[in-house]
Amino acid sequence: MKKFRYVILCCNGCSHEVIGEEEFIPYGLTGRKRYDLPELLRKGWLPVRETPMGGSGNDWVGFSLILLEKEVTETQEVPEVKPA
């Protein structure tokens, strides 16, 4: 069975896994540094698709939405993301 996750990657190298209703605030715009993408890749998640998202009206900030997938067995625990 395949599971999917989304990650927002910032142009400054920070990355933020999109889980539930948690608010995304980019680092440098009062957010804290997070590096979720490298950790997910180490855990076996694979990038499938990347979509550029612009920069919230700032010329110096850009983001990409990355879709990750992982093949899991029913015995592996992967928390489900609740729809917003």
N, C-alpha and C. Protein backbone atom coordinates (compact mmCIF):
# COMPACT_ATOMS: atom_id res chain seq x y z
N MET A 1 0.85 -1.17 0.00
CA MET A 1 0.00 0.00 0.00
C MET A 1 0.90 1.24 0.00
N LYS A 2 0.54 2.23 -0.80
CA LYS A 2 1.32 3.47 -0.84
C LYS A 2 0.70 4.51 0.08
N LYS A 3 1.56 5.24 0.76
CA LYS A 3 1.16 6.37 1.58
C LYS A 3 1.78 7.62 0.98
N PHE A 4 1.15 8.76 1.21
CA PHE A 4 1.61 10.02 0.63
C PHE A 4 1.75 11.08 1.69
N ARG A 5 2.72 11.98 1.50
CA ARG A 5 2.94 13.12 2.38
C ARG A 5 3.27 14.33 1.50
N TYR A 6 2.98 15.51 2.02
CA TYR A 6 3.36 16.76 1.35
C TYR A 6 4.36 17.52 2.21
N VAL A 7 5.32 18.16 1.54
CA VAL A 7 6.32 18.99 2.21
C VAL A 7 6.42 20.29 1.44
N ILE A 8 6.48 21.41 2.18
CA ILE A 8 6.74 22.72 1.57
C ILE A 8 8.24 22.98 1.72
N LEU A 9 8.91 23.20 0.59
CA LEU A 9 10.35 23.48 0.59
C LEU A 9 10.56 24.96 0.29
N CYS A 10 11.28 25.64 1.15
CA CYS A 10 11.55 27.07 0.98
C CYS A 10 12.87 27.27 0.24
N CYS A 11 13.02 28.41 -0.41
CA CYS A 11 14.23 28.68 -1.17
C CYS A 11 15.47 28.80 -0.28
N ASN A 12 15.29 28.98 1.03
CA ASN A 12 16.44 29.07 1.94
C ASN A 12 16.84 27.71 2.50
N GLY A 13 16.22 26.62 2.01
CA GLY A 13 16.60 25.28 2.43
C GLY A 13 15.74 24.68 3.53
N CYS A 14 14.93 25.50 4.19
CA CYS A 14 14.04 24.97 5.22
C CYS A 14 12.92 24.18 4.56
N SER A 15 12.39 23.21 5.28
CA SER A 15 11.27 22.42 4.75
C SER A 15 10.31 22.12 5.89
N HIS A 16 9.04 22.03 5.54
CA HIS A 16 7.97 21.91 6.53
C HIS A 16 6.97 20.87 6.06
N GLU A 17 6.85 19.76 6.80
CA GLU A 17 5.86 18.75 6.44
C GLU A 17 4.47 19.28 6.72
N VAL A 18 3.58 19.09 5.77
CA VAL A 18 2.21 19.55 5.91
C VAL A 18 1.41 18.45 6.61
N ILE A 19 1.04 18.71 7.86
CA ILE A 19 0.29 17.73 8.64
C ILE A 19 -0.93 18.42 9.24
N GLY A 20 -2.11 17.90 8.92
CA GLY A 20 -3.34 18.41 9.52
C GLY A 20 -3.53 19.90 9.32
N GLU A 21 -3.84 20.58 10.40
CA GLU A 21 -4.17 22.00 10.33
C GLU A 21 -3.06 22.90 10.86
N GLU A 22 -1.85 22.36 11.02
CA GLU A 22 -0.74 23.16 11.53
C GLU A 22 -0.43 24.30 10.57
N GLU A 23 -0.26 25.50 11.10
CA GLU A 23 -0.01 26.68 10.28
C GLU A 23 1.43 26.70 9.78
N PHE A 24 1.62 27.08 8.52
CA PHE A 24 2.95 27.21 7.93
C PHE A 24 3.35 28.68 7.95
N ILE A 25 4.44 28.98 8.67
CA ILE A 25 5.01 30.33 8.68
C ILE A 25 6.46 30.18 8.24
N PRO A 26 6.83 30.76 7.08
CA PRO A 26 8.19 30.59 6.58
C PRO A 26 9.24 31.15 7.53
N TYR A 27 10.38 30.47 7.61
CA TYR A 27 11.50 30.97 8.40
C TYR A 27 11.96 32.29 7.79
N GLY A 28 12.24 33.23 8.61
CA GLY A 28 12.61 34.56 8.15
C GLY A 28 11.42 35.50 8.16
N LEU A 29 10.22 34.93 8.20
CA LEU A 29 9.00 35.73 8.31
C LEU A 29 8.33 35.36 9.64
N THR A 30 9.11 35.29 10.68
CA THR A 30 8.75 34.96 12.06
C THR A 30 8.58 33.47 12.32
N GLY A 31 8.82 32.62 11.31
CA GLY A 31 8.76 31.17 11.54
C GLY A 31 10.07 30.65 12.10
N ARG A 32 10.06 29.40 12.58
CA ARG A 32 11.30 28.80 13.09
C ARG A 32 11.86 27.86 12.03
N LYS A 33 13.19 27.63 12.09
CA LYS A 33 13.83 26.75 11.12
C LYS A 33 13.35 25.32 11.31
N ARG A 34 12.97 24.69 10.21
CA ARG A 34 12.60 23.27 10.21
C ARG A 34 13.20 22.63 8.98
N TYR A 35 13.61 21.39 9.14
CA TYR A 35 14.21 20.64 8.03
C TYR A 35 13.56 19.26 7.98
N ASP A 36 12.26 19.21 7.68
CA ASP A 36 11.53 17.95 7.67
C ASP A 36 11.86 17.08 6.46
N LEU A 37 12.16 17.66 5.30
CA LEU A 37 12.39 16.89 4.08
C LEU A 37 13.57 15.92 4.21
N PRO A 38 14.74 16.35 4.66
CA PRO A 38 15.85 15.40 4.78
C PRO A 38 15.52 14.22 5.71
N GLU A 39 14.81 14.47 6.78
CA GLU A 39 14.44 13.41 7.71
C GLU A 39 13.49 12.41 7.05
N LEU A 40 12.51 12.90 6.29
CA LEU A 40 11.58 12.01 5.59
C LEU A 40 12.30 11.19 4.52
N LEU A 41 13.25 11.79 3.82
CA LEU A 41 14.02 11.06 2.82
C LEU A 41 14.85 9.96 3.47
N ARG A 42 15.43 10.26 4.64
CA ARG A 42 16.19 9.23 5.38
C ARG A 42 15.30 8.07 5.80
N LYS A 43 14.02 8.35 6.04
CA LYS A 43 13.08 7.32 6.47
C LYS A 43 12.48 6.54 5.29
N GLY A 44 12.94 6.82 4.08
CA GLY A 44 12.51 6.05 2.92
C GLY A 44 11.42 6.66 2.07
N TRP A 45 10.99 7.88 2.37
CA TRP A 45 10.00 8.56 1.53
C TRP A 45 10.70 9.01 0.25
N LEU A 46 10.00 8.92 -0.88
CA LEU A 46 10.57 9.27 -2.18
C LEU A 46 9.79 10.41 -2.81
N PRO A 47 10.49 11.40 -3.40
CA PRO A 47 9.79 12.49 -4.07
C PRO A 47 9.13 12.00 -5.35
N VAL A 48 7.89 12.43 -5.57
CA VAL A 48 7.13 12.03 -6.75
C VAL A 48 6.90 13.22 -7.68
N ARG A 49 6.54 14.36 -7.10
CA ARG A 49 6.20 15.53 -7.90
C ARG A 49 6.54 16.80 -7.12
N GLU A 50 6.94 17.83 -7.85
CA GLU A 50 7.26 19.12 -7.24
C GLU A 50 6.49 20.20 -8.01
N THR A 51 5.84 21.10 -7.25
CA THR A 51 5.06 22.17 -7.85
C THR A 51 5.51 23.50 -7.28
N PRO A 52 6.00 24.44 -8.11
CA PRO A 52 6.37 25.76 -7.61
C PRO A 52 5.13 26.51 -7.13
N MET A 53 5.29 27.26 -6.02
CA MET A 53 4.14 27.96 -5.44
C MET A 53 4.33 29.46 -5.33
N GLY A 54 5.40 30.04 -5.84
CA GLY A 54 5.58 31.48 -5.72
C GLY A 54 6.09 31.87 -4.36
N GLY A 55 5.92 33.15 -4.00
CA GLY A 55 6.52 33.61 -2.77
C GLY A 55 5.69 34.54 -1.93
N SER A 56 4.41 34.39 -1.91
CA SER A 56 3.55 35.19 -1.03
C SER A 56 3.73 36.69 -1.22
N GLY A 57 3.96 37.13 -2.43
CA GLY A 57 4.11 38.55 -2.70
C GLY A 57 5.52 39.07 -2.46
N ASN A 58 6.43 38.24 -1.98
CA ASN A 58 7.82 38.66 -1.76
C ASN A 58 8.67 38.15 -2.92
N ASP A 59 9.48 39.03 -3.50
CA ASP A 59 10.33 38.62 -4.60
C ASP A 59 11.48 37.72 -4.15
N TRP A 60 11.88 37.82 -2.91
CA TRP A 60 13.05 37.09 -2.42
C TRP A 60 12.70 35.76 -1.77
N VAL A 61 11.45 35.41 -1.68
CA VAL A 61 11.04 34.14 -1.07
C VAL A 61 10.28 33.31 -2.10
N GLY A 62 10.68 32.05 -2.23
CA GLY A 62 9.98 31.13 -3.12
C GLY A 62 9.76 29.80 -2.44
N PHE A 63 8.70 29.11 -2.83
CA PHE A 63 8.35 27.84 -2.21
C PHE A 63 8.02 26.82 -3.29
N SER A 64 8.17 25.55 -2.93
CA SER A 64 7.71 24.46 -3.77
C SER A 64 6.97 23.47 -2.89
N LEU A 65 5.91 22.91 -3.43
CA LEU A 65 5.17 21.85 -2.75
C LEU A 65 5.65 20.53 -3.33
N ILE A 66 6.13 19.64 -2.45
CA ILE A 66 6.69 18.36 -2.89
C ILE A 66 5.81 17.24 -2.39
N LEU A 67 5.41 16.36 -3.31
CA LEU A 67 4.64 15.18 -2.96
C LEU A 67 5.61 14.02 -2.77
N LEU A 68 5.53 13.36 -1.63
CA LEU A 68 6.36 12.19 -1.32
C LEU A 68 5.48 10.96 -1.24
N GLU A 69 6.05 9.80 -1.56
CA GLU A 69 5.32 8.55 -1.40
C GLU A 69 6.22 7.51 -0.76
N LYS A 70 5.58 6.53 -0.12
CA LYS A 70 6.33 5.44 0.51
C LYS A 70 5.46 4.19 0.45
N GLU A 71 6.06 3.09 0.04
CA GLU A 71 5.38 1.81 0.03
C GLU A 71 5.49 1.23 1.44
N VAL A 72 4.36 0.93 2.05
CA VAL A 72 4.37 0.40 3.42
C VAL A 72 3.54 -0.87 3.49
N THR A 73 3.90 -1.71 4.43
CA THR A 73 3.10 -2.90 4.71
C THR A 73 2.10 -2.54 5.79
N GLU A 74 1.12 -3.37 6.00
CA GLU A 74 0.09 -3.08 7.01
C GLU A 74 0.64 -3.10 8.43
N THR A 75 1.80 -3.71 8.63
CA THR A 75 2.38 -3.77 9.98
C THR A 75 3.15 -2.51 10.33
N GLN A 76 3.53 -1.70 9.32
CA GLN A 76 4.25 -0.47 9.58
C GLN A 76 3.29 0.62 9.99
N GLU A 77 3.71 1.41 10.96
CA GLU A 77 2.88 2.52 11.45
C GLU A 77 3.22 3.79 10.69
N VAL A 78 2.27 4.31 9.96
CA VAL A 78 2.39 5.62 9.29
C VAL A 78 1.14 6.38 9.64
N PRO A 79 1.25 7.42 10.48
CA PRO A 79 0.04 8.16 10.87
C PRO A 79 -0.66 8.79 9.67
N GLU A 80 -1.96 8.69 9.65
CA GLU A 80 -2.75 9.30 8.60
C GLU A 80 -2.88 10.80 8.85
N VAL A 81 -2.88 11.57 7.80
CA VAL A 81 -3.08 13.01 7.90
C VAL A 81 -4.58 13.27 7.83
N LYS A 82 -5.11 13.96 8.82
CA LYS A 82 -6.54 14.28 8.83
C LYS A 82 -6.82 15.39 7.84
N PRO A 83 -7.86 15.26 7.02
CA PRO A 83 -8.17 16.33 6.07
C PRO A 83 -8.57 17.62 6.80
N ALA A 84 -8.17 18.74 6.21
CA ALA A 84 -8.47 20.04 6.82
C ALA A 84 -9.92 20.41 6.65
